Structure formats: structure tokens, C-alpha cells
N, C-alpha and C. Protein backbone atom coordinates (compact mmCIF):
# COMPACT_ATOMS: atom_id res chain seq x y z
N LYS A 1 -37.05 17.48 -17.39
CA LYS A 1 -37.00 18.01 -18.75
C LYS A 1 -35.56 18.13 -19.23
N ARG A 2 -34.68 18.58 -18.30
CA ARG A 2 -33.26 18.71 -18.70
C ARG A 2 -32.66 17.35 -18.99
N LEU A 3 -33.01 16.35 -18.16
CA LEU A 3 -32.47 15.01 -18.37
C LEU A 3 -32.95 14.45 -19.70
N ALA A 4 -34.23 14.63 -20.02
CA ALA A 4 -34.78 14.15 -21.29
C ALA A 4 -34.07 14.83 -22.46
N LYS A 5 -33.75 16.10 -22.30
CA LYS A 5 -33.05 16.83 -23.36
C LYS A 5 -31.64 16.27 -23.57
N VAL A 6 -30.95 16.00 -22.47
CA VAL A 6 -29.59 15.45 -22.56
C VAL A 6 -29.63 14.06 -23.19
N LEU A 7 -30.56 13.21 -22.72
CA LEU A 7 -30.63 11.85 -23.24
C LEU A 7 -31.06 11.80 -24.71
N GLY A 8 -31.68 12.82 -25.18
CA GLY A 8 -32.08 12.89 -26.59
C GLY A 8 -31.09 13.62 -27.47
N SER A 9 -30.01 14.11 -26.86
CA SER A 9 -29.07 14.93 -27.63
C SER A 9 -28.18 14.09 -28.56
N LYS A 10 -27.69 14.75 -29.59
CA LYS A 10 -26.77 14.12 -30.55
C LYS A 10 -25.48 13.68 -29.83
N ARG A 11 -25.01 14.48 -28.91
CA ARG A 11 -23.78 14.17 -28.17
C ARG A 11 -23.95 12.88 -27.36
N TYR A 12 -25.10 12.71 -26.70
CA TYR A 12 -25.33 11.51 -25.91
C TYR A 12 -25.45 10.28 -26.81
N ARG A 13 -26.16 10.40 -27.92
CA ARG A 13 -26.27 9.28 -28.86
C ARG A 13 -24.90 8.89 -29.41
N SER A 14 -24.06 9.88 -29.66
CA SER A 14 -22.69 9.60 -30.12
C SER A 14 -21.88 8.86 -29.06
N LEU A 15 -22.05 9.26 -27.80
CA LEU A 15 -21.38 8.57 -26.70
C LEU A 15 -21.82 7.11 -26.63
N LEU A 16 -23.13 6.86 -26.71
CA LEU A 16 -23.64 5.50 -26.67
C LEU A 16 -23.09 4.66 -27.82
N ALA A 17 -23.03 5.24 -28.99
CA ALA A 17 -22.51 4.52 -30.16
C ALA A 17 -21.04 4.17 -29.95
N SER A 18 -20.29 5.12 -29.42
CA SER A 18 -18.86 4.89 -29.16
C SER A 18 -18.67 3.79 -28.12
N LEU A 19 -19.49 3.80 -27.08
CA LEU A 19 -19.41 2.76 -26.05
C LEU A 19 -19.76 1.39 -26.62
N ALA A 20 -20.74 1.34 -27.50
CA ALA A 20 -21.14 0.07 -28.11
C ALA A 20 -20.01 -0.51 -28.96
N VAL A 21 -19.36 0.33 -29.74
CA VAL A 21 -18.23 -0.12 -30.56
C VAL A 21 -17.10 -0.63 -29.67
N THR A 22 -16.80 0.11 -28.61
CA THR A 22 -15.72 -0.28 -27.70
C THR A 22 -16.05 -1.59 -27.00
N ALA A 23 -17.30 -1.78 -26.60
CA ALA A 23 -17.70 -3.03 -25.94
C ALA A 23 -17.64 -4.20 -26.91
N ALA A 24 -18.04 -3.97 -28.18
CA ALA A 24 -18.04 -5.04 -29.17
C ALA A 24 -16.62 -5.41 -29.61
N GLU A 25 -15.76 -4.42 -29.73
CA GLU A 25 -14.39 -4.65 -30.18
C GLU A 25 -13.43 -3.85 -29.29
N PRO A 26 -13.14 -4.36 -28.08
CA PRO A 26 -12.26 -3.63 -27.16
C PRO A 26 -10.88 -3.40 -27.77
N PRO A 27 -10.34 -2.23 -27.57
CA PRO A 27 -9.03 -1.90 -28.17
C PRO A 27 -7.87 -2.44 -27.32
N PHE A 28 -7.82 -3.77 -27.15
CA PHE A 28 -6.75 -4.36 -26.36
C PHE A 28 -5.43 -4.33 -27.14
N ARG A 29 -4.37 -4.26 -26.38
CA ARG A 29 -3.04 -4.41 -26.97
C ARG A 29 -2.80 -5.89 -27.23
N ARG A 30 -1.83 -6.19 -28.08
CA ARG A 30 -1.50 -7.59 -28.34
C ARG A 30 -1.11 -8.31 -27.05
N SER A 31 -0.47 -7.59 -26.14
CA SER A 31 0.00 -8.22 -24.89
C SER A 31 -1.15 -8.68 -24.00
N ALA A 32 -2.37 -8.19 -24.24
CA ALA A 32 -3.50 -8.59 -23.41
C ALA A 32 -3.81 -10.07 -23.57
N GLY A 33 -3.43 -10.66 -24.68
CA GLY A 33 -3.68 -12.08 -24.89
C GLY A 33 -2.59 -12.98 -24.37
N LEU A 34 -1.52 -12.41 -23.88
CA LEU A 34 -0.40 -13.21 -23.38
C LEU A 34 -0.69 -13.69 -21.95
N PRO A 35 0.00 -14.73 -21.49
CA PRO A 35 -0.18 -15.18 -20.11
C PRO A 35 0.14 -14.05 -19.12
N ALA A 36 -0.59 -14.01 -18.03
CA ALA A 36 -0.48 -12.91 -17.08
C ALA A 36 0.71 -13.03 -16.14
N GLU A 37 1.28 -14.22 -16.00
CA GLU A 37 2.31 -14.44 -14.99
C GLU A 37 3.47 -13.45 -15.10
N ASP A 38 4.01 -13.32 -16.30
CA ASP A 38 5.18 -12.44 -16.45
C ASP A 38 4.84 -10.99 -16.16
N PHE A 39 3.72 -10.53 -16.71
CA PHE A 39 3.32 -9.15 -16.49
C PHE A 39 3.08 -8.87 -15.01
N LEU A 40 2.32 -9.74 -14.36
CA LEU A 40 2.02 -9.54 -12.94
C LEU A 40 3.29 -9.59 -12.10
N GLY A 41 4.12 -10.58 -12.37
CA GLY A 41 5.38 -10.69 -11.62
C GLY A 41 6.22 -9.43 -11.75
N ASP A 42 6.33 -8.93 -12.99
CA ASP A 42 7.12 -7.71 -13.21
C ASP A 42 6.49 -6.50 -12.53
N ALA A 43 5.16 -6.39 -12.61
CA ALA A 43 4.48 -5.23 -12.00
C ALA A 43 4.64 -5.23 -10.49
N ILE A 44 4.49 -6.39 -9.87
CA ILE A 44 4.64 -6.48 -8.41
C ILE A 44 6.10 -6.25 -8.03
N HIS A 45 7.00 -6.84 -8.79
CA HIS A 45 8.43 -6.68 -8.50
C HIS A 45 8.86 -5.22 -8.60
N ASP A 46 8.36 -4.51 -9.60
CA ASP A 46 8.70 -3.08 -9.73
C ASP A 46 8.25 -2.29 -8.50
N ARG A 47 7.07 -2.60 -8.01
CA ARG A 47 6.59 -1.90 -6.80
C ARG A 47 7.43 -2.28 -5.59
N TYR A 48 7.82 -3.54 -5.52
CA TYR A 48 8.68 -3.99 -4.42
C TYR A 48 10.04 -3.28 -4.48
N GLU A 49 10.61 -3.15 -5.66
CA GLU A 49 11.91 -2.49 -5.79
C GLU A 49 11.83 -1.02 -5.34
N ALA A 50 10.72 -0.35 -5.65
CA ALA A 50 10.54 1.03 -5.18
C ALA A 50 10.47 1.06 -3.66
N LEU A 51 9.82 0.07 -3.09
CA LEU A 51 9.73 -0.04 -1.63
C LEU A 51 11.11 -0.30 -1.03
N VAL A 52 11.87 -1.19 -1.64
CA VAL A 52 13.24 -1.48 -1.18
C VAL A 52 14.07 -0.21 -1.19
N ALA A 53 14.01 0.54 -2.27
CA ALA A 53 14.79 1.77 -2.38
C ALA A 53 14.42 2.76 -1.28
N ALA A 54 13.13 2.86 -0.99
CA ALA A 54 12.69 3.78 0.05
C ALA A 54 13.19 3.34 1.42
N VAL A 55 13.10 2.05 1.71
CA VAL A 55 13.54 1.56 3.02
C VAL A 55 15.06 1.69 3.14
N GLU A 56 15.78 1.36 2.08
CA GLU A 56 17.24 1.45 2.13
C GLU A 56 17.73 2.88 2.27
N SER A 57 16.92 3.84 1.86
CA SER A 57 17.33 5.25 1.97
C SER A 57 17.02 5.84 3.35
N LEU A 58 16.33 5.08 4.20
CA LEU A 58 16.01 5.59 5.53
C LEU A 58 17.27 5.71 6.39
N PRO A 59 17.31 6.72 7.24
CA PRO A 59 18.41 6.79 8.21
C PRO A 59 18.24 5.70 9.27
N ALA A 60 19.25 5.54 10.09
CA ALA A 60 19.22 4.50 11.13
C ALA A 60 18.00 4.66 12.04
N VAL A 61 17.67 5.89 12.36
CA VAL A 61 16.47 6.16 13.17
C VAL A 61 15.56 7.07 12.32
N PRO A 62 14.65 6.44 11.56
CA PRO A 62 13.82 7.24 10.66
C PRO A 62 12.82 8.12 11.39
N GLN A 63 12.52 9.23 10.77
CA GLN A 63 11.49 10.12 11.27
C GLN A 63 10.11 9.53 10.97
N ASP A 64 9.13 9.96 11.71
CA ASP A 64 7.77 9.46 11.52
C ASP A 64 7.27 9.70 10.10
N ALA A 65 7.54 10.87 9.56
CA ALA A 65 7.09 11.19 8.20
C ALA A 65 7.76 10.28 7.17
N GLU A 66 9.01 9.91 7.41
CA GLU A 66 9.71 9.00 6.49
C GLU A 66 9.07 7.62 6.51
N LEU A 67 8.69 7.16 7.69
CA LEU A 67 8.03 5.86 7.80
C LEU A 67 6.63 5.90 7.18
N HIS A 68 5.98 7.04 7.29
CA HIS A 68 4.67 7.18 6.65
C HIS A 68 4.82 7.12 5.13
N ALA A 69 5.88 7.70 4.60
CA ALA A 69 6.14 7.63 3.15
C ALA A 69 6.38 6.18 2.71
N VAL A 70 7.04 5.40 3.54
CA VAL A 70 7.23 3.98 3.24
C VAL A 70 5.87 3.28 3.21
N ARG A 71 5.03 3.59 4.15
CA ARG A 71 3.68 2.99 4.18
C ARG A 71 2.91 3.31 2.90
N ILE A 72 3.02 4.53 2.44
CA ILE A 72 2.33 4.94 1.21
C ILE A 72 2.82 4.11 0.03
N LEU A 73 4.13 3.83 -0.03
CA LEU A 73 4.67 2.99 -1.10
C LEU A 73 4.29 1.52 -0.92
N ALA A 74 4.16 1.09 0.31
CA ALA A 74 3.85 -0.32 0.57
C ALA A 74 2.42 -0.67 0.16
N LYS A 75 1.52 0.28 0.25
CA LYS A 75 0.12 -0.03 -0.05
C LYS A 75 -0.09 -0.53 -1.48
N PRO A 76 0.39 0.16 -2.52
CA PRO A 76 0.18 -0.40 -3.87
C PRO A 76 0.93 -1.71 -4.09
N THR A 77 2.03 -1.90 -3.39
CA THR A 77 2.75 -3.18 -3.46
C THR A 77 1.85 -4.28 -2.91
N ARG A 78 1.24 -3.98 -1.79
CA ARG A 78 0.31 -4.94 -1.16
C ARG A 78 -0.85 -5.27 -2.09
N TYR A 79 -1.50 -4.24 -2.62
CA TYR A 79 -2.67 -4.47 -3.46
C TYR A 79 -2.31 -5.25 -4.72
N ALA A 80 -1.18 -4.93 -5.32
CA ALA A 80 -0.75 -5.65 -6.52
C ALA A 80 -0.47 -7.11 -6.20
N ALA A 81 0.19 -7.35 -5.08
CA ALA A 81 0.50 -8.73 -4.69
C ALA A 81 -0.77 -9.51 -4.35
N GLU A 82 -1.72 -8.87 -3.70
CA GLU A 82 -2.99 -9.55 -3.40
C GLU A 82 -3.70 -9.95 -4.68
N LEU A 83 -3.71 -9.05 -5.65
CA LEU A 83 -4.35 -9.36 -6.93
C LEU A 83 -3.59 -10.43 -7.70
N GLY A 84 -2.28 -10.42 -7.60
CA GLY A 84 -1.46 -11.37 -8.35
C GLY A 84 -1.39 -12.75 -7.72
N ALA A 85 -1.78 -12.88 -6.47
CA ALA A 85 -1.62 -14.14 -5.76
C ALA A 85 -2.38 -15.30 -6.42
N ASP A 86 -3.56 -15.04 -6.95
CA ASP A 86 -4.33 -16.10 -7.60
C ASP A 86 -3.61 -16.65 -8.83
N VAL A 87 -2.86 -15.80 -9.50
CA VAL A 87 -2.15 -16.22 -10.70
C VAL A 87 -0.75 -16.74 -10.37
N LEU A 88 -0.07 -16.05 -9.46
CA LEU A 88 1.33 -16.37 -9.19
C LEU A 88 1.53 -17.40 -8.09
N GLY A 89 0.50 -17.70 -7.33
CA GLY A 89 0.57 -18.80 -6.38
C GLY A 89 0.87 -18.42 -4.95
N SER A 90 1.18 -19.45 -4.17
CA SER A 90 1.28 -19.31 -2.72
C SER A 90 2.45 -18.42 -2.29
N SER A 91 3.53 -18.40 -3.04
CA SER A 91 4.65 -17.52 -2.66
C SER A 91 4.25 -16.06 -2.75
N CYS A 92 3.48 -15.74 -3.77
CA CYS A 92 3.01 -14.36 -3.92
C CYS A 92 1.97 -14.04 -2.85
N ALA A 93 1.13 -15.01 -2.51
CA ALA A 93 0.14 -14.80 -1.44
C ALA A 93 0.86 -14.54 -0.12
N ARG A 94 1.93 -15.29 0.14
CA ARG A 94 2.70 -15.08 1.37
C ARG A 94 3.34 -13.68 1.35
N PHE A 95 3.89 -13.30 0.21
CA PHE A 95 4.46 -11.96 0.07
C PHE A 95 3.40 -10.90 0.35
N ALA A 96 2.21 -11.09 -0.19
CA ALA A 96 1.11 -10.13 0.03
C ALA A 96 0.79 -10.02 1.52
N ARG A 97 0.75 -11.17 2.21
CA ARG A 97 0.47 -11.14 3.66
C ARG A 97 1.56 -10.40 4.42
N ARG A 98 2.80 -10.60 4.03
CA ARG A 98 3.91 -9.93 4.72
C ARG A 98 3.89 -8.43 4.48
N VAL A 99 3.55 -8.01 3.26
CA VAL A 99 3.45 -6.58 2.99
C VAL A 99 2.26 -5.99 3.73
N THR A 100 1.18 -6.76 3.85
CA THR A 100 0.02 -6.32 4.63
C THR A 100 0.43 -6.11 6.09
N ASP A 101 1.21 -7.04 6.64
CA ASP A 101 1.70 -6.88 8.01
C ASP A 101 2.54 -5.61 8.16
N LEU A 102 3.37 -5.33 7.16
CA LEU A 102 4.18 -4.10 7.18
C LEU A 102 3.27 -2.87 7.17
N CYS A 103 2.29 -2.88 6.28
CA CYS A 103 1.34 -1.75 6.21
C CYS A 103 0.60 -1.58 7.54
N ASP A 104 0.23 -2.70 8.14
CA ASP A 104 -0.49 -2.63 9.42
C ASP A 104 0.40 -2.05 10.52
N ALA A 105 1.66 -2.49 10.58
CA ALA A 105 2.57 -1.97 11.60
C ALA A 105 2.79 -0.47 11.41
N LEU A 106 3.02 -0.06 10.17
CA LEU A 106 3.23 1.37 9.91
C LEU A 106 1.94 2.15 10.11
N GLY A 107 0.79 1.52 9.87
CA GLY A 107 -0.50 2.16 10.13
C GLY A 107 -0.73 2.35 11.62
N GLU A 108 -0.35 1.37 12.42
CA GLU A 108 -0.45 1.51 13.88
C GLU A 108 0.40 2.67 14.37
N LEU A 109 1.59 2.79 13.81
CA LEU A 109 2.47 3.90 14.18
C LEU A 109 1.80 5.23 13.83
N ASN A 110 1.31 5.34 12.63
CA ASN A 110 0.67 6.57 12.19
C ASN A 110 -0.57 6.88 13.03
N ASP A 111 -1.38 5.86 13.30
CA ASP A 111 -2.59 6.08 14.08
C ASP A 111 -2.26 6.54 15.50
N GLY A 112 -1.25 5.92 16.11
CA GLY A 112 -0.83 6.33 17.45
C GLY A 112 -0.32 7.76 17.48
N LEU A 113 0.44 8.12 16.45
CA LEU A 113 0.95 9.49 16.37
C LEU A 113 -0.19 10.48 16.19
N LYS A 114 -1.15 10.14 15.34
CA LYS A 114 -2.30 11.02 15.11
C LYS A 114 -3.13 11.16 16.39
N ALA A 115 -3.31 10.07 17.12
CA ALA A 115 -4.07 10.14 18.37
C ALA A 115 -3.37 11.05 19.37
N ASN A 116 -2.06 10.93 19.48
CA ASN A 116 -1.32 11.80 20.39
C ASN A 116 -1.39 13.25 19.95
N GLN A 117 -1.32 13.48 18.65
CA GLN A 117 -1.45 14.84 18.14
C GLN A 117 -2.81 15.42 18.49
N TRP A 118 -3.84 14.60 18.35
CA TRP A 118 -5.18 15.06 18.69
C TRP A 118 -5.27 15.39 20.18
N LEU A 119 -4.68 14.54 21.01
CA LEU A 119 -4.68 14.81 22.45
C LEU A 119 -3.93 16.10 22.79
N ASP A 120 -2.89 16.41 22.02
CA ASP A 120 -2.17 17.67 22.21
C ASP A 120 -3.04 18.88 21.87
N ASP A 121 -3.88 18.71 20.85
CA ASP A 121 -4.63 19.84 20.32
C ASP A 121 -5.98 20.07 21.00
N VAL A 122 -6.53 19.06 21.63
CA VAL A 122 -7.87 19.19 22.18
C VAL A 122 -7.80 19.79 23.60
N ALA A 123 -8.81 20.58 23.92
CA ALA A 123 -8.90 21.15 25.26
C ALA A 123 -9.47 20.08 26.20
N ILE A 124 -8.75 19.81 27.27
CA ILE A 124 -9.15 18.76 28.21
C ILE A 124 -9.61 19.42 29.51
N ALA A 125 -10.80 19.04 29.93
CA ALA A 125 -11.28 19.52 31.23
C ALA A 125 -10.41 18.91 32.33
N PRO A 126 -10.08 19.69 33.35
CA PRO A 126 -9.19 19.17 34.41
C PRO A 126 -9.67 17.87 35.04
N TRP A 127 -10.96 17.69 35.18
CA TRP A 127 -11.48 16.49 35.82
C TRP A 127 -11.33 15.25 34.93
N ARG A 128 -10.95 15.45 33.62
CA ARG A 128 -10.72 14.33 32.71
C ARG A 128 -9.23 14.05 32.51
N ALA A 129 -8.39 14.78 33.18
CA ALA A 129 -6.94 14.68 32.94
C ALA A 129 -6.41 13.27 33.20
N PHE A 130 -6.88 12.61 34.24
CA PHE A 130 -6.39 11.27 34.55
C PHE A 130 -6.73 10.30 33.42
N ALA A 131 -7.97 10.33 32.96
CA ALA A 131 -8.39 9.43 31.88
C ALA A 131 -7.61 9.72 30.60
N VAL A 132 -7.42 11.00 30.31
CA VAL A 132 -6.67 11.38 29.11
C VAL A 132 -5.21 10.92 29.24
N GLY A 133 -4.66 11.03 30.43
CA GLY A 133 -3.29 10.55 30.66
C GLY A 133 -3.17 9.06 30.40
N ARG A 134 -4.16 8.30 30.79
CA ARG A 134 -4.14 6.85 30.53
C ARG A 134 -4.25 6.55 29.04
N VAL A 135 -5.09 7.31 28.35
CA VAL A 135 -5.21 7.13 26.90
C VAL A 135 -3.89 7.48 26.23
N ARG A 136 -3.29 8.58 26.66
CA ARG A 136 -2.00 9.00 26.08
C ARG A 136 -0.94 7.93 26.32
N ALA A 137 -0.89 7.37 27.51
CA ALA A 137 0.08 6.33 27.81
C ALA A 137 -0.13 5.12 26.90
N ALA A 138 -1.38 4.75 26.68
CA ALA A 138 -1.67 3.63 25.78
C ALA A 138 -1.22 3.93 24.36
N GLU A 139 -1.47 5.16 23.91
CA GLU A 139 -1.07 5.54 22.56
C GLU A 139 0.45 5.60 22.41
N ILE A 140 1.13 6.07 23.43
CA ILE A 140 2.59 6.09 23.38
C ILE A 140 3.12 4.66 23.32
N GLY A 141 2.52 3.76 24.09
CA GLY A 141 2.89 2.35 24.02
C GLY A 141 2.65 1.76 22.64
N ARG A 142 1.55 2.17 22.03
CA ARG A 142 1.22 1.73 20.67
C ARG A 142 2.28 2.20 19.68
N VAL A 143 2.72 3.44 19.81
CA VAL A 143 3.74 3.99 18.92
C VAL A 143 5.06 3.24 19.10
N VAL A 144 5.45 3.01 20.34
CA VAL A 144 6.71 2.30 20.62
C VAL A 144 6.66 0.89 20.04
N ALA A 145 5.56 0.19 20.26
CA ALA A 145 5.43 -1.17 19.74
C ALA A 145 5.45 -1.19 18.21
N ALA A 146 4.78 -0.22 17.60
CA ALA A 146 4.74 -0.17 16.14
C ALA A 146 6.10 0.16 15.55
N ARG A 147 6.85 1.03 16.21
CA ARG A 147 8.21 1.35 15.74
C ARG A 147 9.09 0.10 15.76
N ALA A 148 8.92 -0.73 16.78
CA ALA A 148 9.69 -1.98 16.85
C ALA A 148 9.19 -2.99 15.83
N ALA A 149 7.89 -3.05 15.62
CA ALA A 149 7.30 -4.07 14.75
C ALA A 149 7.58 -3.83 13.27
N TRP A 150 7.70 -2.59 12.85
CA TRP A 150 7.83 -2.36 11.42
C TRP A 150 9.11 -2.97 10.88
N ALA A 151 10.21 -2.90 11.63
CA ALA A 151 11.48 -3.45 11.16
C ALA A 151 11.40 -4.97 11.04
N ARG A 152 10.77 -5.62 12.00
CA ARG A 152 10.57 -7.08 11.91
C ARG A 152 9.68 -7.42 10.73
N SER A 153 8.65 -6.63 10.52
CA SER A 153 7.76 -6.86 9.38
C SER A 153 8.52 -6.71 8.07
N TRP A 154 9.41 -5.73 7.99
CA TRP A 154 10.19 -5.52 6.78
C TRP A 154 11.09 -6.72 6.50
N GLU A 155 11.69 -7.27 7.54
CA GLU A 155 12.53 -8.47 7.36
C GLU A 155 11.71 -9.62 6.79
N ARG A 156 10.48 -9.75 7.25
CA ARG A 156 9.60 -10.82 6.74
C ARG A 156 9.19 -10.56 5.29
N VAL A 157 9.01 -9.30 4.94
CA VAL A 157 8.73 -8.96 3.54
C VAL A 157 9.90 -9.40 2.67
N GLN A 158 11.11 -9.09 3.11
CA GLN A 158 12.29 -9.46 2.33
C GLN A 158 12.43 -10.98 2.20
N ALA A 159 12.12 -11.70 3.26
CA ALA A 159 12.18 -13.16 3.20
C ALA A 159 11.15 -13.70 2.21
N ALA A 160 9.96 -13.14 2.22
CA ALA A 160 8.92 -13.57 1.27
C ALA A 160 9.31 -13.21 -0.15
N ALA A 161 9.96 -12.06 -0.34
CA ALA A 161 10.44 -11.66 -1.67
C ALA A 161 11.52 -12.63 -2.15
N ALA A 162 12.36 -13.08 -1.25
CA ALA A 162 13.41 -14.04 -1.62
C ALA A 162 12.79 -15.35 -2.11
N ASP A 163 11.64 -15.74 -1.53
CA ASP A 163 10.93 -16.93 -2.00
C ASP A 163 10.45 -16.77 -3.44
N LEU A 164 10.27 -15.53 -3.85
CA LEU A 164 9.88 -15.24 -5.24
C LEU A 164 11.11 -15.00 -6.12
N ALA A 165 12.30 -15.22 -5.55
CA ALA A 165 13.58 -15.02 -6.24
C ALA A 165 13.81 -13.55 -6.56
N TRP A 166 13.32 -12.68 -5.71
CA TRP A 166 13.49 -11.24 -5.88
C TRP A 166 14.62 -10.76 -4.99
N THR A 167 15.82 -11.12 -5.32
CA THR A 167 16.98 -10.71 -4.53
C THR A 167 17.97 -9.90 -5.37
N ALA A 168 17.59 -9.54 -6.59
CA ALA A 168 18.53 -8.84 -7.47
C ALA A 168 19.02 -7.54 -6.85
N HIS A 169 18.15 -6.84 -6.11
CA HIS A 169 18.58 -5.59 -5.49
C HIS A 169 19.68 -5.85 -4.46
N LEU A 170 19.62 -6.99 -3.79
CA LEU A 170 20.67 -7.32 -2.82
C LEU A 170 21.96 -7.67 -3.54
N ASP A 171 21.86 -8.41 -4.64
CA ASP A 171 23.05 -8.78 -5.40
C ASP A 171 23.71 -7.55 -5.99
N ALA A 172 22.93 -6.60 -6.50
CA ALA A 172 23.48 -5.39 -7.10
C ALA A 172 24.16 -4.53 -6.04
N ALA A 173 23.58 -4.47 -4.86
CA ALA A 173 24.15 -3.65 -3.80
C ALA A 173 25.46 -4.23 -3.29
N ALA A 174 25.59 -5.54 -3.34
CA ALA A 174 26.81 -6.19 -2.85
C ALA A 174 27.98 -6.02 -3.80
N SER A 175 27.70 -5.85 -5.08
CA SER A 175 28.81 -5.74 -6.06
C SER A 175 29.28 -4.34 -6.28
């Protein structure tokens, strides 16, 4: 009865009418009719520049939380590049794959850290200590490998960005 009342209300009919008008004549900006290449390139590049700034601000030995913040910035860069690859071509697709690799390496680091934190917090029965020790050793190895991999992944991101002619941040820093 409540649903029938809502669906019969003036407010609901007004909403439907508004949706019909919007669907019939979408309020697009003039730029919506322009080619997507420039817009997509600029949008992806802006996200990449934010990522560059974050990585360049890291200390020589970054803290785990700092690397997690880089991962958070890398994700929208990745998603934008994946979406733009169909329009911008194979160089953008390669860039998207490299940013995905960076996200994966930083995700491995975060996952290993979280697993170790969980092992610190959980009560372990003495008879399970050996098995837990082996799991902890594996997770520590995962963290060490991920810490090494993220820097290599970042270098590959930069190389892929250079293929897109995105080196202005390097030129500005050198001058």
C-alpha cells in the first residue's frame, strides 16, 4: 500500500517527467561532442602527474603508510588508463598494464603487512606455533619481495609514460 501511494504521488510523477526530459534532451556540454583523445589524454596525464608528485616526495626508505598512499593514487590512474586505452591506443594500454603492475606490487606489500598484523593480534594455540611461524615467514618474504618490486614497477610506469610523451615533469625538475 505504501509503495502504491509513493508511485501514485505527484512527487514521483514529477521525477518521471524530469527523467524523461533529461533522457530525450541530455544536458551535455559542448565539449561532449568533441573528440575524446585530448580529454582522455589530459585526464590520465593529470592523474599520472599526481602519482609522480607523490612518489617524488617519498623519502629514500618510505614508510608502509606512505607506500599505501601511493597505491591509493595509482588506482584511479590505472582505471583511467584502462578506460582510455581503447581510444588512445597501445601506448596507453601498455601504460595501464604498468600502473596495474605497480598497484599489484603495492597491494602485495599491503596484504603481507595486514597478514602479519593479524598474526600479531590473534591468539595462537601453542601446538599451532610452528605452522604460524611458517606462515609468518612466508608473509615476511612477501613483504620483502613487494618492497623490492614496487620500485622496479615504478620505473616501468615511467618508461610507459615516456612512450606517451609524458616527460614534462622530468624536464621541469631538471631546470
